[in-house]
Amino acid sequence: MDGGAIDGGWYLDVLGFARATPWLHGFFQVFTNAGLVLLALVVAFVWWRARRRDAGRMAAVLWVPIAVGLAYGLSNLVKILVEEPRPCIRFPAVPTVATCDFATDYSFPSNHVTIAVSAAVALLLVGRRAGLASLAVAVLIGFSRVYLGAHYVHDVLAGAVLGAGVALIGLLLRAPLTALVIRLRAGRCRPLVGAAALEGKRVLGSR
């Protein structure tokens, strides 16, 4: 697939903005990966707190890494099927903030964005504050991927749609995940998922 024919103009516009804002280069070069670490820390935090909450809340937290793993796997499958070259290959004469050392990997969709959005939307099923904060991080990660020259805009949008779609499957898994947590709390996994006495009436996505 020739990504440049889809929205190459937008990609070049963002790179033009990047060349005009050298003071942002360092931030986005760090944040593009550090943002994923930040999201992992948010997941760890909400998991720690959910250990003291009802089974429904822990079920929602349990879904986050599952959703991320599924979304990441699907993203890589789509990359193999579509085989879209990186934009730095399509526009070799255009300088990018990041070096083109990721050129051996396909571009569509963005794995970074797929992971970030799947985590953020899944976290929305846990709680509004954690979810909205994570979505803000995901948006910045998405912009950074184009800003650095790693992806086209449509790569980012596709990753967001894929990640959100997978995460929302959690709405269909409320009862089985909650039942699983209740069983785990009665067994050896109790230290990880909380005490059996905390079995609650709420389910995945409750507030």
Protein backbone atom coordinates (compact mmCIF):
# COMPACT_ATOMS: atom_id res chain seq x y z
CA MET A 1 0.00 0.00 0.00
CA ASP A 2 1.28 3.45 -0.93
CA GLY A 3 0.59 5.50 2.19
CA GLY A 4 1.96 8.65 0.59
CA ALA A 5 -0.91 8.64 -1.89
CA ILE A 6 -3.45 8.62 0.95
CA ASP A 7 -2.34 11.51 3.15
CA GLY A 8 1.28 12.18 2.30
CA GLY A 9 0.49 15.89 2.25
CA TRP A 10 -0.57 15.84 5.90
CA TYR A 11 2.57 13.92 6.80
CA LEU A 12 4.73 16.52 5.06
CA ASP A 13 2.82 19.34 6.78
CA VAL A 14 3.53 17.84 10.20
CA LEU A 15 7.20 17.40 9.30
CA GLY A 16 7.26 21.05 8.28
CA PHE A 17 5.91 21.95 11.71
CA ALA A 18 8.56 19.71 13.27
CA ARG A 19 11.35 21.51 11.42
CA ALA A 20 9.96 24.82 12.67
CA THR A 21 9.89 23.66 16.32
CA PRO A 22 13.33 22.22 17.11
CA TRP A 23 12.75 22.94 20.79
CA LEU A 24 10.12 20.17 20.82
CA HIS A 25 12.33 17.50 19.25
CA GLY A 26 13.80 16.23 22.50
CA PHE A 27 10.43 16.07 24.23
CA PHE A 28 8.74 14.00 21.53
CA GLN A 29 11.77 11.75 21.03
CA VAL A 30 11.56 10.82 24.70
CA PHE A 31 7.79 10.88 25.13
CA THR A 32 7.02 8.62 22.16
CA ASN A 33 8.29 5.66 24.22
CA ALA A 34 8.12 7.12 27.72
CA GLY A 35 4.40 7.64 27.25
CA LEU A 36 3.93 3.88 27.03
CA VAL A 37 5.89 3.45 30.24
CA LEU A 38 3.67 6.07 31.86
CA LEU A 39 0.57 4.15 30.80
CA ALA A 40 2.03 0.97 32.28
CA LEU A 41 2.53 2.81 35.56
CA VAL A 42 -1.10 3.96 35.49
CA VAL A 43 -2.22 0.36 34.98
CA ALA A 44 -0.05 -0.76 37.89
CA PHE A 45 -1.53 1.98 40.09
CA VAL A 46 -5.15 1.16 39.32
CA TRP A 47 -4.42 -2.55 39.79
CA TRP A 48 -2.96 -1.87 43.24
CA ARG A 49 -6.01 0.12 44.25
CA ALA A 50 -8.43 -2.41 42.74
CA ARG A 51 -7.11 -5.09 45.09
CA ARG A 52 -9.14 -3.38 47.82
CA ARG A 53 -12.24 -2.92 45.67
CA ASP A 54 -15.05 -5.15 44.46
CA ALA A 55 -14.59 -7.96 41.95
CA GLY A 56 -16.07 -5.89 39.14
CA ARG A 57 -13.40 -3.23 39.47
CA MET A 58 -10.61 -5.80 39.50
CA ALA A 59 -12.19 -7.49 36.47
CA ALA A 60 -11.97 -4.19 34.59
CA VAL A 61 -8.30 -3.86 35.50
CA LEU A 62 -7.63 -7.45 34.48
CA TRP A 63 -9.02 -6.68 31.04
CA VAL A 64 -6.49 -3.88 30.38
CA PRO A 65 -3.39 -6.03 29.71
CA ILE A 66 -5.51 -8.60 27.88
CA ALA A 67 -6.88 -5.90 25.58
CA VAL A 68 -3.41 -4.47 24.96
CA GLY A 69 -2.02 -7.89 24.10
CA LEU A 70 -4.86 -8.69 21.71
CA ALA A 71 -4.67 -5.28 20.03
CA TYR A 72 -0.91 -5.52 19.62
CA GLY A 73 -1.18 -8.96 18.05
CA LEU A 74 -3.86 -7.80 15.60
CA SER A 75 -1.83 -4.70 14.75
CA ASN A 76 1.17 -6.81 13.79
CA LEU A 77 -1.04 -9.09 11.72
CA VAL A 78 -2.43 -6.10 9.80
CA LYS A 79 1.11 -4.81 9.23
CA ILE A 80 2.08 -8.11 7.60
CA LEU A 81 -1.06 -8.17 5.44
CA VAL A 82 -0.91 -4.54 4.29
CA GLU A 83 2.88 -4.15 3.91
CA GLU A 84 2.89 -0.36 3.86
CA PRO A 85 6.48 1.02 3.76
CA ARG A 86 7.46 3.65 6.32
CA PRO A 87 6.96 7.24 5.14
CA CYS A 88 10.69 7.95 5.43
CA ILE A 89 11.14 5.35 2.66
CA ARG A 90 8.40 6.92 0.54
CA PHE A 91 9.88 10.41 0.99
CA PRO A 92 13.64 9.79 1.37
CA ALA A 93 14.62 13.38 0.58
CA VAL A 94 12.52 14.82 3.42
CA PRO A 95 14.44 15.11 6.72
CA THR A 96 12.81 13.62 9.81
CA VAL A 97 13.37 14.22 13.51
CA ALA A 98 13.95 10.51 14.16
CA THR A 99 16.44 8.55 12.11
CA CYS A 100 14.97 6.11 9.62
CA ASP A 101 16.35 3.05 11.43
CA PHE A 102 12.82 1.64 11.80
CA ALA A 103 12.48 1.37 8.01
CA THR A 104 12.54 -2.44 8.04
CA ASP A 105 9.22 -2.45 9.91
CA TYR A 106 5.93 -1.79 8.15
CA SER A 107 4.02 1.39 8.90
CA PHE A 108 0.28 0.57 8.94
CA PRO A 109 -1.06 0.70 11.59
CA SER A 110 0.99 2.31 14.36
CA ASN A 111 1.80 -0.21 17.09
CA HIS A 112 2.55 2.59 19.54
CA VAL A 113 -0.91 4.09 19.07
CA THR A 114 -2.65 0.72 19.07
CA ILE A 115 -1.10 -0.10 22.43
CA ALA A 116 -1.70 3.35 23.91
CA VAL A 117 -5.33 3.67 22.86
CA SER A 118 -6.25 0.11 23.79
CA ALA A 119 -4.81 0.73 27.25
CA ALA A 120 -6.50 4.12 27.60
CA VAL A 121 -9.96 2.96 26.49
CA ALA A 122 -9.72 -0.15 28.65
CA LEU A 123 -8.78 2.11 31.56
CA LEU A 124 -11.93 4.12 30.87
CA LEU A 125 -13.84 0.96 31.76
CA VAL A 126 -12.06 1.05 35.12
CA GLY A 127 -12.59 4.71 35.93
CA ARG A 128 -13.12 8.05 34.23
CA ARG A 129 -10.14 9.91 35.65
CA ALA A 130 -7.55 7.26 34.86
CA GLY A 131 -9.08 6.73 31.43
CA LEU A 132 -9.19 10.37 30.40
CA ALA A 133 -5.66 11.03 31.62
CA SER A 134 -4.48 7.99 29.68
CA LEU A 135 -6.30 9.15 26.56
CA ALA A 136 -4.43 12.45 26.75
CA VAL A 137 -1.16 10.52 26.87
CA ALA A 138 -2.29 8.39 23.92
CA VAL A 139 -3.07 11.49 21.83
CA LEU A 140 0.40 12.87 22.47
CA ILE A 141 1.96 9.54 21.56
CA GLY A 142 -0.04 9.50 18.34
CA PHE A 143 1.07 12.99 17.36
CA SER A 144 4.67 12.14 18.21
CA ARG A 145 4.66 9.24 15.75
CA VAL A 146 3.94 11.59 12.84
CA TYR A 147 6.03 14.44 14.25
CA LEU A 148 9.10 12.19 14.41
CA GLY A 149 8.51 10.92 10.87
CA ALA A 150 7.70 7.34 11.85
CA HIS A 151 4.10 7.19 10.58
CA TYR A 152 1.49 8.74 8.35
CA VAL A 153 -1.60 10.28 9.92
CA HIS A 154 -3.77 7.39 8.71
CA ASP A 155 -1.43 4.92 10.44
CA VAL A 156 -2.12 6.69 13.71
CA LEU A 157 -5.88 6.86 13.15
CA ALA A 158 -6.04 3.18 12.20
CA GLY A 159 -4.10 2.23 15.31
CA ALA A 160 -6.51 4.27 17.42
CA VAL A 161 -9.58 2.63 15.88
CA LEU A 162 -8.07 -0.84 16.26
CA GLY A 163 -7.01 -0.25 19.85
CA ALA A 164 -10.33 1.26 20.89
CA GLY A 165 -12.31 -1.47 19.16
CA VAL A 166 -10.47 -4.25 20.94
CA ALA A 167 -10.69 -2.48 24.31
CA LEU A 168 -14.45 -2.05 24.01
CA ILE A 169 -14.88 -5.81 23.71
CA GLY A 170 -14.47 -5.68 27.47
CA LEU A 171 -18.04 -4.44 27.70
CA LEU A 172 -19.16 -7.87 26.49
CA LEU A 173 -17.01 -9.68 29.02
CA ARG A 174 -18.34 -8.15 32.22
CA ALA A 175 -19.86 -11.25 33.77
CA PRO A 176 -17.19 -13.85 32.90
CA LEU A 177 -14.29 -11.63 33.98
CA THR A 178 -16.00 -10.74 37.25
CA ALA A 179 -16.72 -14.42 37.91
CA LEU A 180 -13.08 -15.22 37.17
CA VAL A 181 -11.88 -12.65 39.69
CA ILE A 182 -14.21 -14.06 42.34
CA ARG A 183 -12.74 -17.52 41.78
CA LEU A 184 -9.18 -16.19 41.82
CA ARG A 185 -9.84 -14.36 45.10
CA ALA A 186 -10.81 -17.66 46.66
CA GLY A 187 -7.57 -19.34 45.62
CA ARG A 188 -3.83 -18.86 45.59
CA CYS A 189 -4.02 -15.71 43.46
CA ARG A 190 -5.70 -13.82 46.28
CA PRO A 191 -2.61 -11.60 46.96
CA LEU A 192 -2.71 -10.42 43.34
CA VAL A 193 -6.42 -9.80 42.92
CA GLY A 194 -7.59 -9.00 46.45
CA ALA A 195 -9.43 -10.77 49.24
CA ALA A 196 -12.46 -12.95 48.65
CA ALA A 197 -14.35 -10.87 51.21
CA LEU A 198 -14.30 -8.01 48.70
CA GLU A 199 -16.50 -9.82 46.20
CA GLY A 200 -18.72 -7.02 45.00
CA LYS A 201 -21.96 -6.52 43.26
CA ARG A 202 -20.55 -4.20 40.62
CA VAL A 203 -19.20 -5.45 37.32
CA LEU A 204 -16.74 -4.39 34.66
CA GLY A 205 -17.08 -0.73 33.87
CA SER A 206 -19.03 0.22 36.99
CA ARG A 207 -18.16 3.37 38.93
